[in-house]
């Protein structure tokens, strides 16, 4: 019989004895290894590069082969890269999956908890594309931030025009287009005649010359003209930075291997509308052709997927989707599947998970653009909208787009919409057979209605 006061605790079997845990911070790291590897199993290291190399040396001295750490902001990136370059297997885990039991929380206890969970095999590494894809991803995200900052200065220009009661940005669809920039340059150069300014518009402008001239009658104030001048200069400066980013992205894309199945020329699209470059698509090179060379399949041929969306998929996922066991796992990783929670036989939650994924956001935007599309996906979006509403239809259509993307990337087959029509015909055929059998059991005979 066990003595009173002593308790027996059954521990999980250790699957990864050569495991360590790191609690990542902005200025300090706390690292824990098993107690039999070092007399001081928990140590702290500053985040300077020299100290990170010392951390890698200490882990190798302890015989550590695998390290687990949380994805804390961007502080984990230098640690990840240095440890990975040293040959260590790094597990980047979701913070929600490693929550400690309630109680006193410290950096030391966090790194020890990570080390224990990793040693018993309870942690799963987050998906991270190869290093060459991560480099392009950093550039593409930086380019997106430049576009956002440029758009802020467009708002500043519109505010200056409103304060001078110039309505040109409401008459023209794009104040930063060819006609808008001509008029802004002329205004800043000292031109005030509305008719002369209106004649600077391109011939394709839908508004009449009288309407444009009427919108250019305002109260020109020096302070607002100064703000307009600086905002326009800042907008053009960011446009130059975007062009430089496009050149660097083109160079990085050129280093990627060409898909073995890719043809020399990009195949023609089967979409009803012709391919047109979007405004923020790189102008220095043909992004669609470059993506086809890398993927080996034209993703832009899928309704709702543009070259920008395909580039986002390349940067966030890469060219190899074999990491995901099937299309359902890929859609679940994107947060496009309903998460069903049941307790006590009662359904508590059936909505999709809140996942911050740029690919999921791009697919949702592509799905939302299919509202008036005259194809299978457009009809699917409208059917789900009538049944469940537009938000649910957007998620459901984005889920279908994710499955299509997974299939195209895994099989390298071109998009063929006739597959969906054959599936619908098979579904209708099975439904008709089921109804005939049910009617026969009830003693009825189904007669098809005459056409017309």
Protein backbone atom coordinates (compact mmCIF):
# COMPACT_ATOMS: atom_id res chain seq x y z
CA UNK A 1 0.00 0.00 0.00
CA UNK A 2 1.44 3.42 -0.92
CA UNK A 3 2.43 5.69 1.89
CA UNK A 4 0.19 8.61 2.72
CA UNK A 5 1.35 11.89 1.17
CA UNK A 6 3.04 10.31 -1.85
CA UNK A 7 1.35 10.41 -5.23
CA UNK A 8 2.19 8.53 -8.36
CA UNK A 9 2.16 10.53 -11.60
CA UNK A 10 2.18 8.73 -14.93
CA UNK A 11 4.17 10.66 -17.51
CA UNK A 12 3.85 10.45 -21.26
CA UNK A 13 6.55 8.57 -23.15
CA UNK A 14 9.34 10.74 -24.49
CA UNK A 15 9.34 10.62 -28.29
CA UNK A 16 11.89 13.36 -28.94
CA UNK A 17 14.62 13.19 -26.29
CA UNK A 18 16.81 15.65 -28.21
CA UNK A 19 14.24 18.46 -27.98
CA UNK A 20 14.47 22.01 -26.68
CA UNK A 21 12.00 24.83 -26.15
CA UNK A 22 12.54 28.55 -26.70
CA UNK A 23 10.43 31.41 -25.39
CA UNK A 24 10.98 34.22 -27.90
CA UNK A 25 11.06 37.86 -26.85
CA UNK A 26 12.10 41.16 -28.37
CA UNK A 27 15.32 41.53 -26.35
CA UNK A 28 15.81 38.20 -24.57
CA UNK A 29 15.34 34.47 -25.25
CA UNK A 30 14.74 31.78 -22.65
CA UNK A 31 15.84 28.29 -23.68
CA UNK A 32 15.13 24.99 -21.92
CA UNK A 33 16.60 21.54 -22.52
CA UNK A 34 16.07 18.32 -20.63
CA UNK A 35 17.67 18.15 -17.17
CA UNK A 36 20.08 15.35 -18.13
CA UNK A 37 21.70 17.40 -20.93
CA UNK A 38 23.23 20.24 -18.89
CA UNK A 39 23.67 21.18 -15.22
CA UNK A 40 21.88 24.43 -16.03
CA UNK A 41 19.01 23.27 -18.27
CA UNK A 42 17.38 26.70 -18.55
CA UNK A 43 19.37 29.66 -19.86
CA UNK A 44 18.68 33.12 -21.19
CA UNK A 45 20.33 34.73 -24.21
CA UNK A 46 20.11 38.28 -25.61
CA UNK A 47 18.82 38.63 -29.15
CA UNK A 48 22.04 39.98 -30.70
CA UNK A 49 23.41 37.93 -33.58
CA UNK A 50 26.52 36.97 -31.61
CA UNK A 51 24.35 35.65 -28.78
CA UNK A 52 22.11 33.74 -31.19
CA UNK A 53 25.19 31.96 -32.54
CA UNK A 54 26.20 31.21 -28.93
CA UNK A 55 22.70 29.78 -28.39
CA UNK A 56 23.12 27.49 -31.40
CA UNK A 57 26.54 26.37 -30.11
CA UNK A 58 25.11 25.54 -26.68
CA UNK A 59 22.23 23.55 -28.19
CA UNK A 60 24.62 21.53 -30.32
CA UNK A 61 26.81 20.86 -27.27
CA UNK A 62 23.75 19.52 -25.47
CA UNK A 63 23.00 17.19 -28.38
CA UNK A 64 19.78 18.97 -29.34
CA UNK A 65 18.40 18.14 -32.77
CA UNK A 66 14.93 19.70 -32.69
CA UNK A 67 13.74 23.03 -31.26
CA UNK A 68 10.21 24.33 -30.70
CA UNK A 69 9.25 27.99 -30.35
CA UNK A 70 6.19 30.18 -30.73
CA UNK A 71 5.65 32.50 -33.68
CA UNK A 72 5.93 35.76 -31.73
CA UNK A 73 5.57 38.76 -34.06
CA UNK A 74 8.69 38.86 -36.29
CA UNK A 75 11.15 38.20 -33.45
CA UNK A 76 11.29 34.49 -34.26
CA UNK A 77 12.65 35.00 -37.80
CA UNK A 78 16.36 35.60 -36.98
CA UNK A 79 16.33 32.76 -34.45
CA UNK A 80 14.67 30.42 -36.94
CA UNK A 81 17.10 31.24 -39.72
CA UNK A 82 20.23 30.85 -37.61
CA UNK A 83 19.13 27.58 -36.02
CA UNK A 84 18.01 26.20 -39.38
CA UNK A 85 21.36 27.11 -40.96
CA UNK A 86 23.05 25.12 -38.19
CA UNK A 87 21.18 21.96 -39.17
CA UNK A 88 18.63 21.99 -36.34
CA UNK A 89 15.00 21.08 -36.97
CA UNK A 90 12.91 24.05 -35.91
CA UNK A 91 9.23 23.69 -35.03
CA UNK A 92 7.34 26.96 -35.38
CA UNK A 93 4.16 26.33 -33.42
CA UNK A 94 0.89 28.17 -33.01
CA UNK A 95 0.62 29.99 -29.68
CA UNK A 96 -2.96 28.73 -29.24
CA UNK A 97 -1.71 25.13 -29.30
CA UNK A 98 0.75 25.53 -26.42
CA UNK A 99 -1.32 27.31 -23.81
CA UNK A 100 -0.10 26.44 -20.33
CA UNK A 101 -2.35 25.44 -17.44
CA UNK A 102 -3.76 28.34 -15.41
CA UNK A 103 -1.39 29.65 -12.78
CA UNK A 104 1.79 31.65 -12.49
CA UNK A 105 3.20 32.44 -15.91
CA UNK A 106 6.87 33.23 -16.45
CA UNK A 107 9.30 33.07 -19.34
CA UNK A 108 11.13 30.19 -17.66
CA UNK A 109 7.96 28.13 -17.24
CA UNK A 110 6.94 28.86 -20.84
CA UNK A 111 10.17 27.55 -22.35
CA UNK A 112 10.08 24.48 -20.09
CA UNK A 113 6.47 23.81 -21.09
CA UNK A 114 7.41 24.07 -24.77
CA UNK A 115 10.32 21.67 -24.25
CA UNK A 116 8.07 19.14 -22.49
CA UNK A 117 5.29 19.27 -25.09
CA UNK A 118 7.81 18.91 -27.90
CA UNK A 119 9.63 16.00 -26.22
CA UNK A 120 6.40 13.99 -25.85
CA UNK A 121 5.31 14.71 -29.42
CA UNK A 122 2.32 16.96 -28.74
CA UNK A 123 3.42 19.82 -30.98
CA UNK A 124 2.87 20.19 -34.70
CA UNK A 125 5.00 22.50 -36.81
CA UNK A 126 3.29 25.25 -38.73
CA UNK A 127 3.56 25.28 -42.50
CA UNK A 128 6.39 27.40 -43.85
CA UNK A 129 7.39 27.43 -47.53
CA UNK A 130 11.02 27.00 -48.64
CA UNK A 131 13.53 29.81 -48.13
CA UNK A 132 13.51 30.99 -51.74
CA UNK A 133 9.72 31.36 -51.59
CA UNK A 134 9.98 33.18 -48.24
CA UNK A 135 12.34 35.70 -49.84
CA UNK A 136 9.81 36.47 -52.58
CA UNK A 137 7.06 36.59 -49.97
CA UNK A 138 8.92 39.27 -48.00
CA UNK A 139 9.34 41.37 -51.14
CA UNK A 140 5.70 40.92 -52.15
CA UNK A 141 4.45 41.92 -48.70
CA UNK A 142 6.74 44.93 -48.75
CA UNK A 143 5.31 45.87 -52.14
CA UNK A 144 1.78 45.62 -50.73
CA UNK A 145 2.73 47.99 -47.91
CA UNK A 146 4.10 50.47 -50.46
CA UNK A 147 0.79 50.33 -52.34
CA UNK A 148 -1.12 51.02 -49.11
CA UNK A 149 1.10 54.00 -48.28
CA UNK A 150 0.68 55.35 -51.82
CA UNK A 151 -3.10 55.07 -51.48
CA UNK A 152 -2.97 57.17 -48.30
CA UNK A 153 -1.46 60.04 -50.26
CA UNK A 154 -4.24 59.69 -52.83
CA UNK A 155 -6.66 60.35 -49.97
CA UNK A 156 -4.60 63.40 -49.01
CA UNK A 157 -4.90 64.71 -52.57
CA UNK A 158 -8.65 64.19 -52.53
CA UNK A 159 -8.90 66.00 -49.21
CA UNK A 160 -6.98 68.99 -50.59
CA UNK A 161 -9.26 69.08 -53.63
CA UNK A 162 -12.36 68.94 -51.43
CA UNK A 163 -11.10 71.84 -49.34
CA UNK A 164 -10.73 73.89 -52.54
CA UNK A 165 -14.15 72.67 -53.73
CA UNK A 166 -12.67 71.03 -56.82
CA UNK A 167 -14.85 68.06 -57.76
CA UNK A 168 -12.58 66.58 -60.41
CA UNK A 169 -11.94 63.43 -58.36
CA UNK A 170 -15.69 62.74 -58.40
CA UNK A 171 -16.04 63.31 -62.13
CA UNK A 172 -13.04 61.14 -63.08
CA UNK A 173 -13.08 57.52 -61.96
CA UNK A 174 -9.38 57.66 -61.06
CA UNK A 175 -7.62 60.86 -60.08
CA UNK A 176 -4.22 59.15 -60.48
CA UNK A 177 -4.93 58.10 -64.05
CA UNK A 178 -3.57 59.75 -67.17
CA UNK A 179 -6.19 62.52 -67.32
CA UNK A 180 -6.17 63.15 -63.58
CA UNK A 181 -2.40 63.53 -63.34
CA UNK A 182 -2.36 65.87 -66.35
CA UNK A 183 -4.91 68.13 -64.69
CA UNK A 184 -3.16 68.06 -61.30
CA UNK A 185 0.18 68.95 -62.89
CA UNK A 186 -1.41 71.83 -64.77
CA UNK A 187 -3.09 73.13 -61.60
CA UNK A 188 0.19 73.03 -59.69
CA UNK A 189 1.90 74.75 -62.64
CA UNK A 190 -0.48 77.72 -62.24
CA UNK A 191 -3.27 77.00 -64.75
CA UNK A 192 -6.69 78.08 -63.47
CA UNK A 193 -8.88 78.18 -66.60
CA UNK A 194 -11.45 75.33 -66.25
CA UNK A 195 -11.90 74.94 -70.00
CA UNK A 196 -8.16 74.67 -70.61
CA UNK A 197 -7.85 72.12 -67.81
CA UNK A 198 -10.81 70.12 -69.12
CA UNK A 199 -9.20 69.79 -72.56
CA UNK A 200 -6.34 67.85 -70.94
CA UNK A 201 -8.62 64.83 -70.46
CA UNK A 202 -8.15 61.77 -72.59
CA UNK A 203 -10.68 61.07 -75.31
CA UNK A 204 -11.88 57.95 -73.50
CA UNK A 205 -13.16 59.92 -70.49
CA UNK A 206 -16.93 59.37 -70.33
CA UNK A 207 -17.78 62.71 -68.70
CA UNK A 208 -18.37 65.60 -71.06
CA UNK A 209 -15.94 68.49 -71.33
CA UNK A 210 -18.51 70.87 -69.82
CA UNK A 211 -18.94 68.65 -66.77
CA UNK A 212 -15.19 68.38 -66.26
CA UNK A 213 -14.78 72.15 -66.63
CA UNK A 214 -17.57 72.76 -64.14
CA UNK A 215 -15.89 70.49 -61.60
CA UNK A 216 -12.65 72.52 -61.89
CA UNK A 217 -14.21 75.78 -60.70
CA UNK A 218 -13.09 76.22 -57.11
CA UNK A 219 -11.42 78.32 -54.45
CA UNK A 220 -7.70 77.88 -54.97
CA UNK A 221 -5.92 78.44 -51.66
CA UNK A 222 -2.11 78.43 -51.23
CA UNK A 223 -2.14 76.15 -48.18
CA UNK A 224 -4.25 73.54 -49.93
CA UNK A 225 -2.17 73.76 -53.09
CA UNK A 226 0.92 73.17 -50.97
CA UNK A 227 -0.64 70.04 -49.44
CA UNK A 228 -1.70 68.86 -52.89
CA UNK A 229 1.82 69.35 -54.25
CA UNK A 230 3.44 67.38 -51.45
CA UNK A 231 0.87 64.57 -51.61
CA UNK A 232 1.32 64.21 -55.37
CA UNK A 233 5.11 64.15 -54.98
CA UNK A 234 4.84 61.50 -52.25
CA UNK A 235 2.50 59.41 -54.42
CA UNK A 236 4.94 59.49 -57.33
CA UNK A 237 7.82 58.65 -55.01
CA UNK A 238 6.05 55.51 -53.83
CA UNK A 239 5.29 54.62 -57.43
CA UNK A 240 9.03 54.68 -58.12
CA UNK A 241 9.64 52.43 -55.11
CA UNK A 242 7.00 50.01 -56.39
CA UNK A 243 8.75 49.85 -59.78
CA UNK A 244 12.05 49.08 -58.03
CA UNK A 245 10.32 46.37 -55.98
CA UNK A 246 8.90 44.87 -59.18
CA UNK A 247 12.38 44.66 -60.66
CA UNK A 248 13.69 42.84 -57.59
CA UNK A 249 10.69 40.49 -57.55
CA UNK A 250 11.28 39.72 -61.23
CA UNK A 251 14.90 38.86 -60.46
CA UNK A 252 13.87 36.59 -57.60
CA UNK A 253 11.20 34.88 -59.71
CA UNK A 254 13.78 34.24 -62.41
CA UNK A 255 15.81 32.18 -59.93
CA UNK A 256 12.92 29.74 -59.41
CA UNK A 257 12.99 26.53 -61.39
CA UNK A 258 10.78 26.10 -64.42
CA UNK A 259 8.10 23.44 -64.10
CA UNK A 260 8.90 20.40 -66.20
CA UNK A 261 5.41 20.33 -67.68
CA UNK A 262 5.34 24.01 -68.60
CA UNK A 263 5.26 24.86 -72.30
CA UNK A 264 7.34 27.60 -73.87
CA UNK A 265 4.32 29.83 -74.53
CA UNK A 266 1.51 30.56 -72.10
CA UNK A 267 -1.70 28.79 -73.21
CA UNK A 268 -4.72 30.82 -74.23
CA UNK A 269 -7.30 31.48 -71.59
CA UNK A 270 -10.76 29.97 -71.76
CA UNK A 271 -12.40 32.77 -69.78
CA UNK A 272 -15.11 34.70 -71.54
CA UNK A 273 -13.47 38.07 -70.86
CA UNK A 274 -10.02 38.80 -72.33
CA UNK A 275 -7.05 39.04 -70.03
CA UNK A 276 -6.33 42.58 -68.87
CA UNK A 277 -3.65 43.67 -66.49
CA UNK A 278 -4.95 45.08 -63.26
CA UNK A 279 -3.80 48.41 -61.98
CA UNK A 280 -1.39 47.17 -59.31
CA UNK A 281 -0.05 44.29 -61.37
CA UNK A 282 3.68 44.69 -62.18
CA UNK A 283 4.18 46.60 -65.43
CA UNK A 284 7.84 45.80 -65.99
CA UNK A 285 7.23 42.13 -66.84
CA UNK A 286 4.40 39.73 -67.66
CA UNK A 287 3.49 38.27 -64.27
CA UNK A 288 0.98 35.79 -65.71
CA UNK A 289 3.56 34.17 -68.03
CA UNK A 290 6.13 34.03 -65.24
CA UNK A 291 3.67 32.32 -62.90
CA UNK A 292 2.77 29.78 -65.58
CA UNK A 293 6.46 28.97 -66.04
CA UNK A 294 6.88 28.36 -62.31
CA UNK A 295 3.59 26.58 -61.57
CA UNK A 296 3.34 24.60 -64.79
CA UNK A 297 -0.37 25.44 -64.92
CA UNK A 298 -2.27 28.67 -65.55
CA UNK A 299 -4.12 29.54 -62.33
CA UNK A 300 -5.43 32.77 -63.83
CA UNK A 301 -7.64 30.66 -66.10
CA UNK A 302 -9.82 29.89 -63.07
CA UNK A 303 -12.71 32.36 -62.68
CA UNK A 304 -12.07 34.73 -59.77
CA UNK A 305 -8.29 34.23 -59.73
CA UNK A 306 -6.18 37.05 -61.14
CA UNK A 307 -2.43 37.25 -61.56
CA UNK A 308 -2.21 39.10 -58.23
CA UNK A 309 -4.09 36.27 -56.49
CA UNK A 310 -1.90 33.64 -58.14
CA UNK A 311 1.21 35.54 -57.03
CA UNK A 312 -0.15 35.61 -53.48
CA UNK A 313 -0.63 31.83 -53.62
CA UNK A 314 2.96 31.41 -54.81
CA UNK A 315 4.34 33.60 -52.02
CA UNK A 316 2.30 32.07 -49.20
CA UNK A 317 2.14 28.42 -50.28
CA UNK A 318 4.77 27.83 -52.94
CA UNK A 319 4.62 25.40 -55.83
CA UNK A 320 4.43 22.16 -53.82
CA UNK A 321 1.18 21.38 -52.00
CA UNK A 322 2.17 17.83 -51.04
CA UNK A 323 2.59 19.03 -47.44
CA UNK A 324 -1.23 18.95 -47.25
CA UNK A 325 -2.63 15.42 -47.42
CA UNK A 326 -5.63 16.43 -49.55
CA UNK A 327 -7.71 19.36 -50.72
CA UNK A 328 -9.83 19.29 -47.56
CA UNK A 329 -6.74 19.74 -45.38
CA UNK A 330 -5.61 22.63 -47.58
CA UNK A 331 -9.00 24.36 -47.28
CA UNK A 332 -9.02 23.76 -43.52
CA UNK A 333 -5.55 25.32 -43.20
CA UNK A 334 -6.93 28.40 -44.96
CA UNK A 335 -9.84 28.56 -42.53
CA UNK A 336 -12.45 28.08 -45.25
CA UNK A 337 -14.12 25.03 -43.65
CA UNK A 338 -16.79 25.07 -40.93
CA UNK A 339 -15.43 24.10 -37.52
CA UNK A 340 -18.05 21.97 -35.83
CA UNK A 341 -17.92 21.83 -32.03
CA UNK A 342 -20.21 19.40 -30.24
CA UNK A 343 -20.60 18.97 -26.48
CA UNK A 344 -23.15 16.76 -24.78
CA UNK A 345 -24.74 15.91 -28.09
CA UNK A 346 -25.44 19.59 -28.78
CA UNK A 347 -23.87 21.52 -31.63
CA UNK A 348 -22.20 24.60 -30.13
CA UNK A 349 -20.39 26.12 -33.10
CA UNK A 350 -20.41 25.53 -36.84
CA UNK A 351 -18.74 28.63 -38.27
CA UNK A 352 -15.37 28.74 -39.99
CA UNK A 353 -12.26 29.43 -37.95
CA UNK A 354 -10.83 32.92 -37.82
CA UNK A 355 -7.56 32.48 -39.67
CA UNK A 356 -5.39 35.38 -40.76
CA UNK A 357 -4.34 34.06 -44.14
CA UNK A 358 -3.52 36.24 -47.11
CA UNK A 359 -4.42 33.41 -49.48
CA UNK A 360 -7.85 33.03 -47.89
CA UNK A 361 -8.43 36.78 -48.13
CA UNK A 362 -7.44 36.79 -51.80
CA UNK A 363 -9.73 33.83 -52.53
CA UNK A 364 -12.62 35.52 -50.73
CA UNK A 365 -12.13 38.64 -52.82
CA UNK A 366 -12.02 36.50 -55.96
CA UNK A 367 -15.19 34.69 -54.91
CA UNK A 368 -16.95 37.99 -54.24
CA UNK A 369 -16.12 39.15 -57.78
CA UNK A 370 -18.07 36.21 -59.26
CA UNK A 371 -21.48 37.67 -58.44
CA UNK A 372 -22.25 38.45 -62.10
CA UNK A 373 -20.02 35.81 -63.69
CA UNK A 374 -21.72 33.71 -66.36
CA UNK A 375 -20.09 30.39 -65.53
CA UNK A 376 -20.41 27.51 -63.08
CA UNK A 377 -18.74 29.28 -60.15
CA UNK A 378 -20.84 32.39 -60.70
CA UNK A 379 -24.03 30.33 -60.67
CA UNK A 380 -22.81 28.51 -57.56
CA UNK A 381 -22.17 31.82 -55.80
CA UNK A 382 -25.64 33.13 -56.66
CA UNK A 383 -27.31 29.86 -55.61
CA UNK A 384 -25.64 29.86 -52.19
CA UNK A 385 -26.42 33.57 -51.82
CA UNK A 386 -30.12 32.90 -52.28
CA UNK A 387 -29.94 30.06 -49.79
CA UNK A 388 -27.64 31.30 -47.02
CA UNK A 389 -26.70 34.90 -47.77
CA UNK A 390 -23.71 36.64 -49.32
CA UNK A 391 -21.15 36.16 -46.48
CA UNK A 392 -21.70 32.40 -46.40
CA UNK A 393 -21.71 32.28 -50.21
CA UNK A 394 -18.37 34.08 -50.31
CA UNK A 395 -16.81 31.56 -47.92
CA UNK A 396 -18.32 28.58 -49.74
CA UNK A 397 -17.13 29.81 -53.13
CA UNK A 398 -13.67 30.59 -51.74
CA UNK A 399 -13.59 27.04 -50.37
CA UNK A 400 -14.38 25.68 -53.82
CA UNK A 401 -11.66 27.89 -55.34
CA UNK A 402 -9.17 26.55 -52.79
CA UNK A 403 -9.98 22.97 -53.76
CA UNK A 404 -9.58 23.85 -57.44
CA UNK A 405 -6.20 25.46 -56.78
CA UNK A 406 -5.03 22.40 -54.84
CA UNK A 407 -6.11 20.09 -57.66
CA UNK A 408 -4.40 22.17 -60.34
CA UNK A 409 -1.14 22.46 -58.40
CA UNK A 410 -1.04 18.79 -57.44
CA UNK A 411 -1.98 17.33 -60.83
CA UNK A 412 -0.69 20.12 -63.14
CA UNK A 413 -3.85 19.76 -65.22
CA UNK A 414 -5.44 22.75 -66.92
CA UNK A 415 -8.70 24.10 -65.56
CA UNK A 416 -11.68 22.46 -67.23
CA UNK A 417 -15.15 23.67 -66.29
CA UNK A 418 -16.88 20.80 -68.08
CA UNK A 419 -15.99 18.58 -65.12
CA UNK A 420 -18.47 20.47 -62.93
CA UNK A 421 -21.22 20.18 -65.52
CA UNK A 422 -20.69 16.40 -65.75
CA UNK A 423 -20.86 16.17 -61.95
CA UNK A 424 -24.13 18.09 -61.94
CA UNK A 425 -25.56 15.79 -64.59
CA UNK A 426 -24.53 12.75 -62.55
CA UNK A 427 -26.14 14.28 -59.45
CA UNK A 428 -29.40 14.90 -61.30
CA UNK A 429 -29.33 11.37 -62.71
CA UNK A 430 -28.87 9.84 -59.25
CA UNK A 431 -31.65 12.03 -57.83
CA UNK A 432 -34.02 10.90 -60.60
CA UNK A 433 -33.16 7.26 -59.98
CA UNK A 434 -33.72 7.69 -56.25
CA UNK A 435 -37.13 9.29 -56.80
CA UNK A 436 -38.17 6.53 -59.22
CA UNK A 437 -37.27 3.85 -56.68
CA UNK A 438 -39.14 5.64 -53.92
CA UNK A 439 -42.20 6.10 -56.14
CA UNK A 440 -42.12 2.40 -57.10
CA UNK A 441 -42.18 1.42 -53.42
CA UNK A 442 -45.28 3.53 -52.92
CA UNK A 443 -46.95 2.02 -55.97
CA UNK A 444 -46.56 4.97 -58.30
CA UNK A 445 -44.98 5.27 -61.69
CA UNK A 446 -43.04 8.42 -62.64
CA UNK A 447 -43.73 9.78 -66.13
CA UNK A 448 -41.40 12.56 -67.43
CA UNK A 449 -43.13 15.79 -68.38
CA UNK A 450 -43.30 16.55 -72.08
CA UNK A 451 -40.98 19.33 -73.25
CA UNK A 452 -42.77 22.52 -74.14
